[in-house]
Every structure is written in C-alpha cells, then in structure tokens.
Amino acid sequence: MPLKWVFQQDNDPKHTIMEWPAQFPDLNLIENLWADIKNAVHEAKPRNAEELWNVVQLSWAAIPVDRCQKLNPQLI
C-alpha cells in the first residue's frame, strides 16, 4: 500500500525553505494587470454580475500593449 500524505503550504515563515516564484515581481507580471482591472471595477461600481463582466472585459481590452511591454522589457 503506497504511503499517502498531503502537503499543505500555509506560508508560515518558519516552514519556508525557499522563496516561491509569486514573491518575484518579474515572474508574476499578470498581477500588475489584475490590479488595473480591480481598479477599473472599483471605479465603475457595477451593480450586478453582468455589469461586472462588462467592466472586466472592457478594462482588459483597454490595456495598451505598451503597458504590458513596460512591465518587463526583458520578456519581449
């Protein structure tokens, strides 16, 4: 019978042996764009799911290509 166990990461510092990629901003560029979307949603104050979806789609489409390029020019 194989040994079965579950590893649960709780981000407790005393259990951390190495930094996770999410802690490196250059490896997690999408977080900057999610912040842009979040700000657009906050400003629009949608009243229902349909309005929320519309705001998300419009704000995503409105992100200029140069915004993405400026996040990390080494990836281009």
C-alpha atoms as a PDB file:
ATOM      1  CA  MET A   1       0.000   0.000   0.000  1.00  0.00           C
ATOM      2  CA  PRO A   2       1.568   3.333  -1.036  1.00  0.00           C
ATOM      3  CA  LEU A   3       2.194   5.986   1.560  1.00  0.00           C
ATOM      4  CA  LYS A   4      -0.378   8.761   1.218  1.00  0.00           C
ATOM      5  CA  TRP A   5       0.062  12.206   2.654  1.00  0.00           C
ATOM      6  CA  VAL A   6      -0.914  15.788   1.924  1.00  0.00           C
ATOM      7  CA  PHE A   7       1.493  18.703   1.967  1.00  0.00           C
ATOM      8  CA  GLN A   8      -0.285  21.910   2.927  1.00  0.00           C
ATOM      9  CA  GLN A   9       1.590  25.185   2.462  1.00  0.00           C
ATOM     10  CA  ASP A  10       0.376  27.807   4.916  1.00  0.00           C
ATOM     11  CA  ASN A  11       3.124  30.397   4.238  1.00  0.00           C
ATOM     12  CA  ASP A  12       4.273  30.251   7.842  1.00  0.00           C
ATOM     13  CA  PRO A  13       7.813  31.733   7.688  1.00  0.00           C
ATOM     14  CA  LYS A  14       9.358  29.061   9.888  1.00  0.00           C
ATOM     15  CA  HIS A  15       8.245  26.416   7.363  1.00  0.00           C
ATOM     16  CA  THR A  16       9.621  28.198   4.314  1.00  0.00           C
ATOM     17  CA  ILE A  17      12.784  26.739   2.829  1.00  0.00           C
ATOM     18  CA  MET A  18      12.897  28.869  -0.285  1.00  0.00           C
ATOM     19  CA  GLU A  19      11.108  31.797  -1.866  1.00  0.00           C
ATOM     20  CA  TRP A  20       8.152  30.994  -4.082  1.00  0.00           C
ATOM     21  CA  PRO A  21       8.030  32.441  -7.608  1.00  0.00           C
ATOM     22  CA  ALA A  22       4.963  34.501  -6.667  1.00  0.00           C
ATOM     23  CA  GLN A  23       7.261  36.575  -4.477  1.00  0.00           C
ATOM     24  CA  PHE A  24       9.292  37.670  -7.504  1.00  0.00           C
ATOM     25  CA  PRO A  25       7.515  40.513  -9.325  1.00  0.00           C
ATOM     26  CA  ASP A  26       9.290  39.818 -12.613  1.00  0.00           C
ATOM     27  CA  LEU A  27       7.818  36.307 -12.671  1.00  0.00           C
ATOM     28  CA  ASN A  28       4.320  37.419 -11.758  1.00  0.00           C
ATOM     29  CA  LEU A  29       3.660  40.242 -14.211  1.00  0.00           C
ATOM     30  CA  ILE A  30      -0.035  39.458 -14.561  1.00  0.00           C
ATOM     31  CA  GLU A  31      -0.615  40.723 -11.007  1.00  0.00           C
ATOM     32  CA  ASN A  32       0.017  44.272 -12.253  1.00  0.00           C
ATOM     33  CA  LEU A  33      -2.662  43.862 -14.893  1.00  0.00           C
ATOM     34  CA  TRP A  34      -5.098  42.313 -12.403  1.00  0.00           C
ATOM     35  CA  ALA A  35      -4.587  45.437 -10.273  1.00  0.00           C
ATOM     36  CA  ASP A  36      -5.550  47.573 -13.279  1.00  0.00           C
ATOM     37  CA  ILE A  37      -8.733  45.520 -13.718  1.00  0.00           C
ATOM     38  CA  LYS A  38      -9.510  45.707  -9.998  1.00  0.00           C
ATOM     39  CA  ASN A  39      -9.144  49.494 -10.043  1.00  0.00           C
ATOM     40  CA  ALA A  40     -11.455  49.759 -13.057  1.00  0.00           C
ATOM     41  CA  VAL A  41     -14.076  47.611 -11.306  1.00  0.00           C
ATOM     42  CA  HIS A  42     -13.761  49.683  -8.139  1.00  0.00           C
ATOM     43  CA  GLU A  43     -14.259  52.924 -10.065  1.00  0.00           C
ATOM     44  CA  ALA A  44     -17.196  51.596 -12.120  1.00  0.00           C
ATOM     45  CA  LYS A  45     -19.066  50.175  -9.106  1.00  0.00           C
ATOM     46  CA  PRO A  46     -21.011  47.529 -11.047  1.00  0.00           C
ATOM     47  CA  ARG A  47     -24.398  46.660  -9.574  1.00  0.00           C
ATOM     48  CA  ASN A  48     -24.746  43.109 -10.865  1.00  0.00           C
ATOM     49  CA  ALA A  49     -22.779  40.256 -12.418  1.00  0.00           C
ATOM     50  CA  GLU A  50     -23.486  41.373 -15.980  1.00  0.00           C
ATOM     51  CA  GLU A  51     -22.159  44.884 -15.327  1.00  0.00           C
ATOM     52  CA  LEU A  52     -19.134  43.405 -13.570  1.00  0.00           C
ATOM     53  CA  TRP A  53     -18.377  41.148 -16.533  1.00  0.00           C
ATOM     54  CA  ASN A  54     -18.723  44.092 -18.930  1.00  0.00           C
ATOM     55  CA  VAL A  55     -16.346  46.238 -16.872  1.00  0.00           C
ATOM     56  CA  VAL A  56     -13.790  43.436 -16.717  1.00  0.00           C
ATOM     57  CA  GLN A  57     -13.959  42.819 -20.466  1.00  0.00           C
ATOM     58  CA  LEU A  58     -13.766  46.498 -21.382  1.00  0.00           C
ATOM     59  CA  SER A  59     -10.944  47.267 -18.976  1.00  0.00           C
ATOM     60  CA  TRP A  60      -8.957  44.228 -20.175  1.00  0.00           C
ATOM     61  CA  ALA A  61      -9.402  45.288 -23.801  1.00  0.00           C
ATOM     62  CA  ALA A  62      -8.374  48.845 -22.909  1.00  0.00           C
ATOM     63  CA  ILE A  63      -4.965  47.853 -21.536  1.00  0.00           C
ATOM     64  CA  PRO A  64      -2.487  49.176 -24.088  1.00  0.00           C
ATOM     65  CA  VAL A  65       0.198  46.897 -25.471  1.00  0.00           C
ATOM     66  CA  ASP A  66       2.920  49.256 -24.263  1.00  0.00           C
ATOM     67  CA  ARG A  67       1.634  48.807 -20.686  1.00  0.00           C
ATOM     68  CA  CYS A  68       2.415  45.103 -20.988  1.00  0.00           C
ATOM     69  CA  GLN A  69       5.765  45.786 -22.626  1.00  0.00           C
ATOM     70  CA  LYS A  70       6.797  48.175 -19.848  1.00  0.00           C
ATOM     71  CA  LEU A  71       6.126  45.597 -17.140  1.00  0.00           C
ATOM     72  CA  ASN A  72       9.255  43.714 -18.117  1.00  0.00           C
ATOM     73  CA  PRO A  73      11.030  44.680 -21.318  1.00  0.00           C
ATOM     74  CA  GLN A  74      13.330  41.652 -21.000  1.00  0.00           C
ATOM     75  CA  LEU A  75      10.448  39.333 -21.908  1.00  0.00           C
ATOM     76  CA  ILE A  76       9.915  40.954 -25.297  1.00  0.00           C
END
